[in-house]
Amino acid sequence: MNKSWMHSDRRSKAYELRVEAFLNFSVENLLTTTHIRCPCVKCVNLKLFGVGIIRDHLYFNGVDQSYKNWTFHGEPWEATTNASRNVEEDDDHSRYSFVSEEIEMDDNDFSDFGSDPYEFANVIGDGDQPLYPDCRKYTKLSALVKLYNLKAKHGMSDVCFTELLILQGDLLSEGNTIPASMYEAKKTLCALGLSYEKMHACPNDCILYRKEYEDSTNCPTCGISRWK
């Protein structure tokens, strides 16, 4: 779809016609007129409205001209460009490639992302929010993924992780978007399909009690009891 209208004068007939074409395109692809993300410069796809309100926003506020791939409005996800770790990175990377790199996911794992499209869209919106005003290196989502990776790597408890998030929030400048609790962090991660399951492990780090060892009571390698 032609996107040159995004740079047009909002008072022009061309802008008016293209706004209507954009809204029609969104409705046809999303099959809804009540839950559409608003791409104006103030909402930047973080808020959902009906078609009428979005139309007003596009006239009064203008369209976010950095929104070049309309993945929130019906274009294929494959067209999405990178807007995660550094806004200056090349566009040939996946928009959220940092997620797969941090937690060792491959492309097939993205098919397991949360089942609620609006919840997932909200998480993607979080990925575009800077960690704090004028931060160019991290977004809310990229920072959370890195912190959660540390939690998993070093066996940090949920209570400890919550305290770490609170401390990070106090250390960062005012207006930062770091979650304030493990509960908030889990909501974001679960929406991405990154929920986790606790499982027993041998105290000597020989095995995890899963798959063929799920019902074992002793470690098959060192013989130590699972329960003592």
Protein backbone atom coordinates (compact mmCIF):
# COMPACT_ATOMS: atom_id res chain seq x y z
CA MET A 1 0.00 0.00 0.00
CA ASN A 2 1.25 3.48 -0.88
CA LYS A 3 2.58 5.23 2.23
CA SER A 4 3.76 8.51 0.77
CA TRP A 5 0.65 10.16 2.23
CA MET A 6 2.23 9.91 5.69
CA HIS A 7 4.40 12.89 4.70
CA SER A 8 1.59 14.86 3.06
CA ASP A 9 -0.04 18.04 4.29
CA ARG A 10 -2.84 17.01 6.66
CA ARG A 11 -5.07 19.68 5.10
CA SER A 12 -4.75 18.18 1.63
CA LYS A 13 -7.30 16.04 -0.17
CA ALA A 14 -4.62 13.41 -0.79
CA TYR A 15 -4.07 13.01 2.96
CA GLU A 16 -7.83 12.70 3.55
CA LEU A 17 -8.22 10.01 0.90
CA ARG A 18 -5.22 8.02 2.13
CA VAL A 19 -6.37 8.16 5.75
CA GLU A 20 -9.66 6.60 4.67
CA ALA A 21 -7.80 3.99 2.62
CA PHE A 22 -5.59 3.18 5.61
CA LEU A 23 -8.59 2.80 7.94
CA ASN A 24 -10.41 0.60 5.43
CA PHE A 25 -7.28 -1.51 5.02
CA SER A 26 -7.04 -1.94 8.82
CA VAL A 27 -10.70 -2.86 9.25
CA GLU A 28 -10.57 -5.39 6.41
CA ASN A 29 -7.48 -7.08 7.79
CA LEU A 30 -8.23 -6.90 11.52
CA LEU A 31 -11.98 -7.53 11.13
CA THR A 32 -12.81 -5.00 13.82
CA THR A 33 -13.79 -1.35 14.11
CA THR A 34 -13.46 -1.09 17.90
CA HIS A 35 -9.98 -2.41 18.77
CA ILE A 36 -7.49 -0.80 16.41
CA ARG A 37 -4.14 0.59 17.47
CA CYS A 38 -3.79 4.31 16.85
CA PRO A 39 -0.66 5.20 14.82
CA CYS A 40 -0.77 8.94 15.49
CA VAL A 41 2.35 10.68 16.82
CA LYS A 42 0.95 10.80 20.37
CA CYS A 43 -0.43 7.25 20.67
CA VAL A 44 2.33 5.55 18.58
CA ASN A 45 0.35 2.28 18.49
CA LEU A 46 0.19 2.00 22.28
CA LYS A 47 -3.54 2.76 22.57
CA LEU A 48 -6.59 1.16 20.96
CA PHE A 49 -9.61 3.09 19.74
CA GLY A 50 -12.49 2.90 17.32
CA VAL A 51 -12.12 4.06 13.72
CA GLY A 52 -13.70 7.47 14.36
CA ILE A 53 -11.28 8.43 17.14
CA ILE A 54 -8.29 7.21 15.15
CA ARG A 55 -9.42 9.29 12.18
CA ASP A 56 -9.56 12.39 14.40
CA HIS A 57 -6.13 11.64 15.86
CA LEU A 58 -4.58 11.27 12.42
CA TYR A 59 -5.95 14.70 11.44
CA PHE A 60 -5.17 16.53 14.68
CA ASN A 61 -1.88 14.86 15.65
CA GLY A 62 -0.57 13.46 12.37
CA VAL A 63 0.69 9.94 11.73
CA ASP A 64 3.85 8.53 13.29
CA GLN A 65 6.16 8.63 10.28
CA SER A 66 8.54 6.06 11.78
CA TYR A 67 5.76 3.46 11.53
CA LYS A 68 6.78 2.17 8.12
CA ASN A 69 5.64 -1.45 8.40
CA TRP A 70 1.98 -1.63 9.36
CA THR A 71 2.16 -4.90 11.28
CA PHE A 72 -0.43 -3.68 13.80
CA HIS A 73 -2.87 -3.03 10.98
CA GLY A 74 -2.71 -6.12 8.81
CA GLU A 75 0.65 -6.24 7.09
CA PRO A 76 2.62 -9.50 7.58
CA TRP A 77 4.89 -9.70 10.63
CA GLU A 78 7.74 -10.69 8.32
CA ALA A 79 7.87 -7.11 7.12
CA THR A 80 8.67 -5.77 10.57
CA THR A 81 11.95 -3.96 10.98
CA ASN A 82 14.22 -3.84 13.99
CA ALA A 83 13.17 -1.40 16.70
CA SER A 84 14.50 -3.10 19.77
CA ARG A 85 17.98 -2.71 21.17
CA ASN A 86 19.23 0.31 19.28
CA VAL A 87 17.17 2.51 16.99
CA GLU A 88 20.21 2.91 14.75
CA GLU A 89 20.66 -0.81 14.03
CA ASP A 90 20.29 -2.06 10.47
CA ASP A 91 16.79 -2.92 9.26
CA ASP A 92 17.84 -6.38 8.07
CA HIS A 93 17.56 -7.75 11.63
CA SER A 94 14.32 -9.03 13.09
CA ARG A 95 12.53 -6.39 15.15
CA TYR A 96 12.83 -8.48 18.27
CA SER A 97 15.84 -10.60 17.40
CA PHE A 98 17.34 -9.64 20.77
CA VAL A 99 14.65 -11.73 22.50
CA SER A 100 15.65 -14.90 20.69
CA GLU A 101 19.35 -14.17 21.23
CA GLU A 102 18.97 -13.54 24.96
CA ILE A 103 16.92 -16.64 25.71
CA GLU A 104 18.18 -18.89 22.90
CA MET A 105 14.97 -19.09 20.89
CA ASP A 106 14.81 -19.90 17.20
CA ASP A 107 12.34 -18.67 14.61
CA ASN A 108 9.94 -21.58 15.25
CA ASP A 109 9.50 -20.51 18.87
CA PHE A 110 7.79 -17.30 17.80
CA SER A 111 4.76 -19.36 16.79
CA ASP A 112 4.13 -19.97 20.50
CA PHE A 113 3.72 -16.29 21.42
CA GLY A 114 0.70 -15.42 23.53
CA SER A 115 -2.70 -16.36 22.12
CA ASP A 116 -4.32 -12.97 22.77
CA PRO A 117 -3.40 -10.72 19.80
CA TYR A 118 -4.16 -7.51 21.70
CA GLU A 119 -2.09 -8.57 24.70
CA PHE A 120 0.76 -9.47 22.35
CA ALA A 121 0.38 -6.14 20.56
CA ASN A 122 0.66 -4.34 23.89
CA VAL A 123 3.92 -6.16 24.60
CA ILE A 124 5.26 -5.23 21.18
CA GLY A 125 4.32 -1.63 22.00
CA ASP A 126 6.38 -1.94 25.17
CA GLY A 127 9.33 -2.90 23.02
CA ASP A 128 9.25 0.55 21.43
CA GLN A 129 9.21 2.42 24.73
CA PRO A 130 12.64 3.70 25.84
CA LEU A 131 13.77 2.44 29.24
CA TYR A 132 13.86 6.04 30.40
CA PRO A 133 13.40 9.36 28.58
CA ASP A 134 16.03 9.84 25.86
CA CYS A 135 17.48 6.35 26.39
CA ARG A 136 18.70 5.04 23.02
CA LYS A 137 20.35 1.77 24.05
CA TYR A 138 17.56 -0.11 25.83
CA THR A 139 13.79 -0.34 25.65
CA LYS A 140 11.50 -1.52 28.42
CA LEU A 141 11.27 -4.96 26.84
CA SER A 142 14.95 -5.43 26.00
CA ALA A 143 15.98 -4.40 29.54
CA LEU A 144 13.44 -6.78 31.08
CA VAL A 145 14.62 -9.70 28.94
CA LYS A 146 18.25 -9.08 29.93
CA LEU A 147 17.38 -8.80 33.63
CA TYR A 148 15.23 -11.93 33.51
CA ASN A 149 18.03 -13.79 31.78
CA LEU A 150 20.28 -12.94 34.76
CA LYS A 151 17.58 -14.17 37.15
CA ALA A 152 17.39 -17.53 35.39
CA LYS A 153 21.16 -17.86 34.96
CA HIS A 154 21.96 -17.29 38.64
CA GLY A 155 18.89 -18.87 40.24
CA MET A 156 17.54 -15.61 41.65
CA SER A 157 14.36 -15.97 43.70
CA ASP A 158 11.19 -14.07 42.77
CA VAL A 159 11.48 -11.95 45.93
CA CYS A 160 15.08 -11.06 45.13
CA PHE A 161 14.18 -10.23 41.53
CA THR A 162 11.34 -7.95 42.67
CA GLU A 163 13.74 -6.10 44.96
CA LEU A 164 16.22 -5.78 42.10
CA LEU A 165 13.50 -4.28 39.87
CA ILE A 166 12.54 -1.80 42.58
CA LEU A 167 16.19 -0.81 43.05
CA GLN A 168 16.66 -0.42 39.29
CA GLY A 169 13.59 1.80 39.16
CA ASP A 170 15.02 4.01 41.91
CA LEU A 171 18.44 4.20 40.25
CA LEU A 172 17.12 5.15 36.83
CA SER A 173 15.89 8.62 35.97
CA GLU A 174 12.31 9.70 36.61
CA GLY A 175 9.83 8.41 34.06
CA ASN A 176 11.57 5.06 33.56
CA THR A 177 9.47 2.10 32.42
CA ILE A 178 11.11 -0.73 34.38
CA PRO A 179 8.46 -3.07 35.92
CA ALA A 180 8.04 -2.60 39.66
CA SER A 181 7.52 -6.25 40.56
CA MET A 182 8.01 -9.83 39.46
CA TYR A 183 4.26 -9.99 38.87
CA GLU A 184 4.40 -7.21 36.28
CA ALA A 185 7.46 -8.78 34.65
CA LYS A 186 5.69 -12.15 34.41
CA LYS A 187 2.68 -10.59 32.69
CA THR A 188 4.93 -9.26 29.94
CA LEU A 189 6.94 -12.44 29.54
CA CYS A 190 3.89 -14.71 29.56
CA ALA A 191 2.28 -12.58 26.84
CA LEU A 192 5.36 -13.35 24.74
CA GLY A 193 4.96 -17.05 25.39
CA LEU A 194 7.97 -17.10 27.72
CA SER A 195 6.31 -18.63 30.76
CA TYR A 196 8.45 -21.05 32.70
CA GLU A 197 8.12 -24.29 34.64
CA LYS A 198 10.00 -25.09 37.83
CA MET A 199 11.60 -28.54 38.04
CA HIS A 200 13.83 -30.45 40.41
CA ALA A 201 17.54 -30.77 39.70
CA CYS A 202 20.24 -32.98 41.13
CA PRO A 203 22.12 -31.09 43.90
CA ASN A 204 25.33 -31.96 42.05
CA ASP A 205 23.95 -30.52 38.79
CA CYS A 206 24.02 -33.90 37.04
CA ILE A 207 20.48 -33.92 35.63
CA LEU A 208 17.10 -32.26 35.63
CA TYR A 209 14.20 -34.46 36.77
CA ARG A 210 12.32 -34.20 33.49
CA LYS A 211 11.42 -36.45 30.57
CA GLU A 212 12.73 -39.97 31.34
CA TYR A 213 13.83 -38.87 34.84
CA GLU A 214 10.55 -37.21 35.79
CA ASP A 215 9.55 -39.96 38.28
CA SER A 216 13.04 -40.86 39.51
CA THR A 217 13.82 -40.62 43.21
CA ASN A 218 17.62 -40.81 42.87
CA CYS A 219 20.06 -39.28 40.41
CA PRO A 220 21.07 -41.96 37.88
CA THR A 221 24.56 -40.44 37.61
CA CYS A 222 25.70 -39.87 41.20
CA GLY A 223 22.99 -41.79 43.09
CA ILE A 224 22.11 -38.94 45.47
CA SER A 225 18.50 -38.76 46.66
CA ARG A 226 16.17 -36.39 44.91
CA TRP A 227 14.44 -35.52 48.18
CA LYS A 228 17.28 -35.20 50.72
